[in-house]
Amino acid sequence: MHRENVTPLPHLDPHDLTRASLVQWTGCRAETGVELYRIENGGHCWPRLAKPNASAGNDDPVDGPRFGGCSGDIETAVEVWNFFRQYHGA
């Protein structure tokens, strides 16, 4: 039987309007599972903890209201690395 488990993540950035959660499905074939991060009210950006510094010329045009919100609750690069390092040497 497939089961879905949704775990809300801590809302680390009170200035953004997004909410992040980890969605996990268990009960898949061969003892495998599926995980994804759901970003509610998110736009077209990689969620990240550190926001660009516009005064240093590091502003990101996809962070604006035209493209939706950018979550400050997870660091995408870290989560991608955590995923791939599970399979090192496999």
N, C-alpha and C. Protein backbone atom coordinates (compact mmCIF):
# COMPACT_ATOMS: atom_id res chain seq x y z
N MET A 1 0.84 -1.18 0.00
CA MET A 1 0.00 0.00 0.00
C MET A 1 0.89 1.25 0.00
N HIS A 2 0.57 2.18 -0.87
CA HIS A 2 1.33 3.42 -0.94
C HIS A 2 0.81 4.39 0.11
N ARG A 3 1.75 5.05 0.75
CA ARG A 3 1.37 6.02 1.78
C ARG A 3 2.10 7.32 1.54
N GLU A 4 1.41 8.42 1.75
CA GLU A 4 2.01 9.75 1.62
C GLU A 4 2.14 10.35 3.01
N ASN A 5 3.31 10.90 3.29
CA ASN A 5 3.56 11.56 4.55
C ASN A 5 4.07 12.97 4.23
N VAL A 6 3.43 13.98 4.77
CA VAL A 6 3.82 15.37 4.54
C VAL A 6 4.33 15.96 5.85
N THR A 7 5.57 16.46 5.82
CA THR A 7 6.18 17.06 7.00
C THR A 7 6.45 18.54 6.73
N PRO A 8 5.73 19.45 7.38
CA PRO A 8 6.03 20.87 7.21
C PRO A 8 7.43 21.18 7.73
N LEU A 9 8.17 21.99 7.00
CA LEU A 9 9.51 22.39 7.42
C LEU A 9 9.43 23.70 8.19
N PRO A 10 10.40 23.97 9.05
CA PRO A 10 10.39 25.24 9.79
C PRO A 10 10.38 26.43 8.83
N HIS A 11 9.59 27.42 9.17
CA HIS A 11 9.52 28.64 8.34
C HIS A 11 10.62 29.59 8.81
N LEU A 12 11.78 29.51 8.15
CA LEU A 12 12.98 30.23 8.59
C LEU A 12 13.00 31.69 8.18
N ASP A 13 12.30 32.03 7.11
CA ASP A 13 12.33 33.40 6.61
C ASP A 13 10.93 34.01 6.72
N PRO A 14 10.68 34.79 7.77
CA PRO A 14 9.34 35.35 7.96
C PRO A 14 8.96 36.39 6.92
N HIS A 15 9.93 36.82 6.08
CA HIS A 15 9.65 37.84 5.08
C HIS A 15 9.11 37.27 3.77
N ASP A 16 9.26 35.97 3.57
CA ASP A 16 8.69 35.42 2.33
C ASP A 16 7.32 34.81 2.62
N LEU A 17 6.52 34.69 1.58
CA LEU A 17 5.15 34.20 1.73
C LEU A 17 5.03 32.72 1.41
N THR A 18 6.17 32.04 1.28
CA THR A 18 6.14 30.63 0.93
C THR A 18 6.15 29.76 2.18
N ARG A 19 5.75 28.51 1.98
CA ARG A 19 5.85 27.49 3.02
C ARG A 19 6.41 26.24 2.36
N ALA A 20 7.38 25.62 3.00
CA ALA A 20 8.02 24.43 2.45
C ALA A 20 7.62 23.20 3.26
N SER A 21 7.48 22.09 2.56
CA SER A 21 7.22 20.82 3.24
C SER A 21 7.91 19.70 2.47
N LEU A 22 8.23 18.65 3.19
CA LEU A 22 8.82 17.45 2.60
C LEU A 22 7.70 16.43 2.43
N VAL A 23 7.52 15.96 1.20
CA VAL A 23 6.50 14.97 0.89
C VAL A 23 7.21 13.65 0.60
N GLN A 24 6.82 12.61 1.31
CA GLN A 24 7.44 11.29 1.14
C GLN A 24 6.36 10.25 0.86
N TRP A 25 6.63 9.40 -0.14
CA TRP A 25 5.76 8.27 -0.43
C TRP A 25 6.51 7.00 -0.09
N THR A 26 5.88 6.13 0.65
CA THR A 26 6.49 4.86 1.02
C THR A 26 5.63 3.72 0.48
N GLY A 27 6.15 2.53 0.59
CA GLY A 27 5.41 1.37 0.13
C GLY A 27 5.58 1.10 -1.34
N CYS A 28 6.60 1.69 -1.95
CA CYS A 28 6.86 1.44 -3.37
C CYS A 28 7.53 0.09 -3.54
N ARG A 29 7.65 -0.35 -4.77
CA ARG A 29 8.29 -1.63 -5.06
C ARG A 29 9.74 -1.64 -4.61
N ALA A 30 10.22 -2.81 -4.30
CA ALA A 30 11.64 -3.04 -3.96
C ALA A 30 12.12 -2.15 -2.82
N GLU A 31 11.21 -1.89 -1.88
CA GLU A 31 11.60 -1.11 -0.69
C GLU A 31 12.11 0.29 -1.04
N THR A 32 11.65 0.85 -2.14
CA THR A 32 12.07 2.19 -2.53
C THR A 32 11.01 3.19 -2.09
N GLY A 33 11.34 4.45 -2.19
CA GLY A 33 10.42 5.51 -1.84
C GLY A 33 10.65 6.71 -2.73
N VAL A 34 9.77 7.67 -2.62
CA VAL A 34 9.86 8.91 -3.39
C VAL A 34 9.76 10.06 -2.41
N GLU A 35 10.63 11.06 -2.59
CA GLU A 35 10.59 12.27 -1.76
C GLU A 35 10.65 13.49 -2.66
N LEU A 36 9.94 14.52 -2.26
CA LEU A 36 10.04 15.80 -2.95
C LEU A 36 9.79 16.92 -1.95
N TYR A 37 10.29 18.09 -2.30
CA TYR A 37 10.02 19.28 -1.50
C TYR A 37 8.94 20.07 -2.20
N ARG A 38 7.88 20.37 -1.47
CA ARG A 38 6.78 21.17 -2.01
C ARG A 38 6.94 22.60 -1.47
N ILE A 39 6.94 23.57 -2.38
CA ILE A 39 7.03 24.97 -2.00
C ILE A 39 5.71 25.63 -2.37
N GLU A 40 4.90 25.93 -1.38
CA GLU A 40 3.63 26.61 -1.63
C GLU A 40 3.87 28.10 -1.81
N ASN A 41 3.22 28.68 -2.80
CA ASN A 41 3.36 30.10 -3.16
C ASN A 41 4.75 30.41 -3.71
N GLY A 42 5.47 29.39 -4.16
CA GLY A 42 6.81 29.59 -4.71
C GLY A 42 6.76 29.97 -6.17
N GLY A 43 7.81 30.62 -6.60
CA GLY A 43 7.91 31.05 -7.99
C GLY A 43 9.02 30.31 -8.72
N HIS A 44 9.63 31.01 -9.65
CA HIS A 44 10.65 30.42 -10.52
C HIS A 44 12.05 30.74 -10.01
N CYS A 45 12.42 30.14 -8.92
CA CYS A 45 13.77 30.31 -8.38
C CYS A 45 14.13 29.06 -7.59
N TRP A 46 15.42 28.90 -7.34
CA TRP A 46 15.87 27.81 -6.47
C TRP A 46 15.75 28.30 -5.04
N PRO A 47 14.98 27.63 -4.20
CA PRO A 47 14.92 28.03 -2.79
C PRO A 47 16.32 28.04 -2.18
N ARG A 48 16.60 29.06 -1.38
CA ARG A 48 17.92 29.19 -0.77
C ARG A 48 17.82 29.98 0.52
N LEU A 49 18.76 29.71 1.40
CA LEU A 49 18.75 30.38 2.70
C LEU A 49 19.27 31.80 2.60
N ALA A 50 20.32 32.02 1.81
CA ALA A 50 20.91 33.35 1.67
C ALA A 50 20.27 34.07 0.49
N LYS A 51 19.79 35.27 0.72
CA LYS A 51 19.20 36.06 -0.35
C LYS A 51 20.29 36.87 -1.04
N PRO A 52 20.13 37.14 -2.36
CA PRO A 52 21.11 37.95 -3.06
C PRO A 52 21.21 39.35 -2.45
N ASN A 53 22.38 39.93 -2.54
CA ASN A 53 22.63 41.28 -2.04
C ASN A 53 22.56 42.24 -3.22
N ALA A 54 21.43 42.93 -3.38
CA ALA A 54 21.22 43.81 -4.52
C ALA A 54 22.24 44.94 -4.56
N SER A 55 22.67 45.44 -3.41
CA SER A 55 23.63 46.54 -3.38
C SER A 55 25.00 46.10 -3.89
N ALA A 56 25.27 44.79 -3.86
CA ALA A 56 26.55 44.28 -4.36
C ALA A 56 26.43 43.82 -5.82
N GLY A 57 25.30 44.09 -6.44
CA GLY A 57 25.10 43.69 -7.82
C GLY A 57 24.72 42.23 -7.98
N ASN A 58 24.30 41.60 -6.90
CA ASN A 58 23.95 40.17 -6.95
C ASN A 58 22.44 39.96 -6.94
N ASP A 59 21.68 40.94 -7.42
CA ASP A 59 20.24 40.77 -7.38
C ASP A 59 19.80 39.73 -8.40
N ASP A 60 18.75 39.03 -8.08
CA ASP A 60 18.23 37.96 -8.92
C ASP A 60 16.88 38.40 -9.45
N PRO A 61 16.75 38.59 -10.77
CA PRO A 61 15.49 39.11 -11.30
C PRO A 61 14.30 38.19 -11.08
N VAL A 62 14.52 36.90 -10.87
CA VAL A 62 13.38 36.01 -10.66
C VAL A 62 12.87 36.03 -9.23
N ASP A 63 13.48 36.82 -8.35
CA ASP A 63 12.99 36.94 -6.98
C ASP A 63 11.84 37.93 -6.85
N GLY A 64 11.61 38.73 -7.85
CA GLY A 64 10.59 39.77 -7.75
C GLY A 64 9.18 39.22 -7.85
N PRO A 65 8.19 40.08 -7.61
CA PRO A 65 6.80 39.65 -7.61
C PRO A 65 6.33 39.14 -8.98
N ARG A 66 7.00 39.55 -10.03
CA ARG A 66 6.61 39.12 -11.37
C ARG A 66 6.74 37.60 -11.53
N PHE A 67 7.70 37.00 -10.85
CA PHE A 67 7.96 35.58 -11.01
C PHE A 67 7.56 34.74 -9.81
N GLY A 68 6.94 35.32 -8.82
CA GLY A 68 6.51 34.56 -7.65
C GLY A 68 7.52 34.61 -6.53
N GLY A 69 7.16 34.03 -5.42
CA GLY A 69 8.02 34.07 -4.23
C GLY A 69 9.16 33.07 -4.28
N CYS A 70 10.21 33.38 -3.54
CA CYS A 70 11.36 32.49 -3.43
C CYS A 70 11.49 32.08 -1.96
N SER A 71 11.44 30.80 -1.71
CA SER A 71 11.47 30.30 -0.34
C SER A 71 12.86 30.45 0.28
N GLY A 72 12.89 30.89 1.51
CA GLY A 72 14.12 30.97 2.28
C GLY A 72 14.18 29.88 3.34
N ASP A 73 13.44 28.80 3.13
CA ASP A 73 13.33 27.76 4.15
C ASP A 73 14.22 26.54 3.90
N ILE A 74 14.71 26.36 2.68
CA ILE A 74 15.64 25.27 2.40
C ILE A 74 16.73 25.79 1.48
N GLU A 75 17.84 25.10 1.47
CA GLU A 75 18.96 25.43 0.57
C GLU A 75 19.01 24.34 -0.49
N THR A 76 18.58 24.68 -1.70
CA THR A 76 18.48 23.69 -2.77
C THR A 76 19.79 22.99 -3.04
N ALA A 77 20.89 23.73 -3.12
CA ALA A 77 22.18 23.11 -3.43
C ALA A 77 22.55 22.03 -2.40
N VAL A 78 22.28 22.28 -1.14
CA VAL A 78 22.58 21.30 -0.09
C VAL A 78 21.69 20.07 -0.25
N GLU A 79 20.42 20.28 -0.55
CA GLU A 79 19.51 19.14 -0.69
C GLU A 79 19.86 18.30 -1.91
N VAL A 80 20.27 18.94 -3.01
CA VAL A 80 20.70 18.19 -4.20
C VAL A 80 21.93 17.35 -3.86
N TRP A 81 22.90 17.97 -3.16
CA TRP A 81 24.10 17.23 -2.76
C TRP A 81 23.74 16.06 -1.84
N ASN A 82 22.87 16.29 -0.88
CA ASN A 82 22.46 15.21 0.04
C ASN A 82 21.86 14.04 -0.72
N PHE A 83 21.10 14.34 -1.78
CA PHE A 83 20.51 13.28 -2.58
C PHE A 83 21.59 12.48 -3.30
N PHE A 84 22.48 13.15 -4.02
CA PHE A 84 23.46 12.44 -4.83
C PHE A 84 24.53 11.73 -4.01
N ARG A 85 24.86 12.24 -2.86
CA ARG A 85 25.91 11.59 -2.08
C ARG A 85 25.47 10.24 -1.51
N GLN A 86 24.16 10.00 -1.49
CA GLN A 86 23.67 8.68 -1.07
C GLN A 86 24.16 7.59 -2.01
N TYR A 87 24.43 7.96 -3.25
CA TYR A 87 24.74 6.98 -4.28
C TYR A 87 26.21 6.97 -4.66
N HIS A 88 27.05 7.61 -3.89
CA HIS A 88 28.49 7.63 -4.16
C HIS A 88 29.03 6.21 -4.12
N GLY A 89 29.65 5.81 -5.21
CA GLY A 89 30.24 4.48 -5.27
C GLY A 89 29.26 3.37 -5.58
N ALA A 90 28.01 3.74 -5.83
CA ALA A 90 27.01 2.70 -6.11
C ALA A 90 27.20 2.12 -7.50
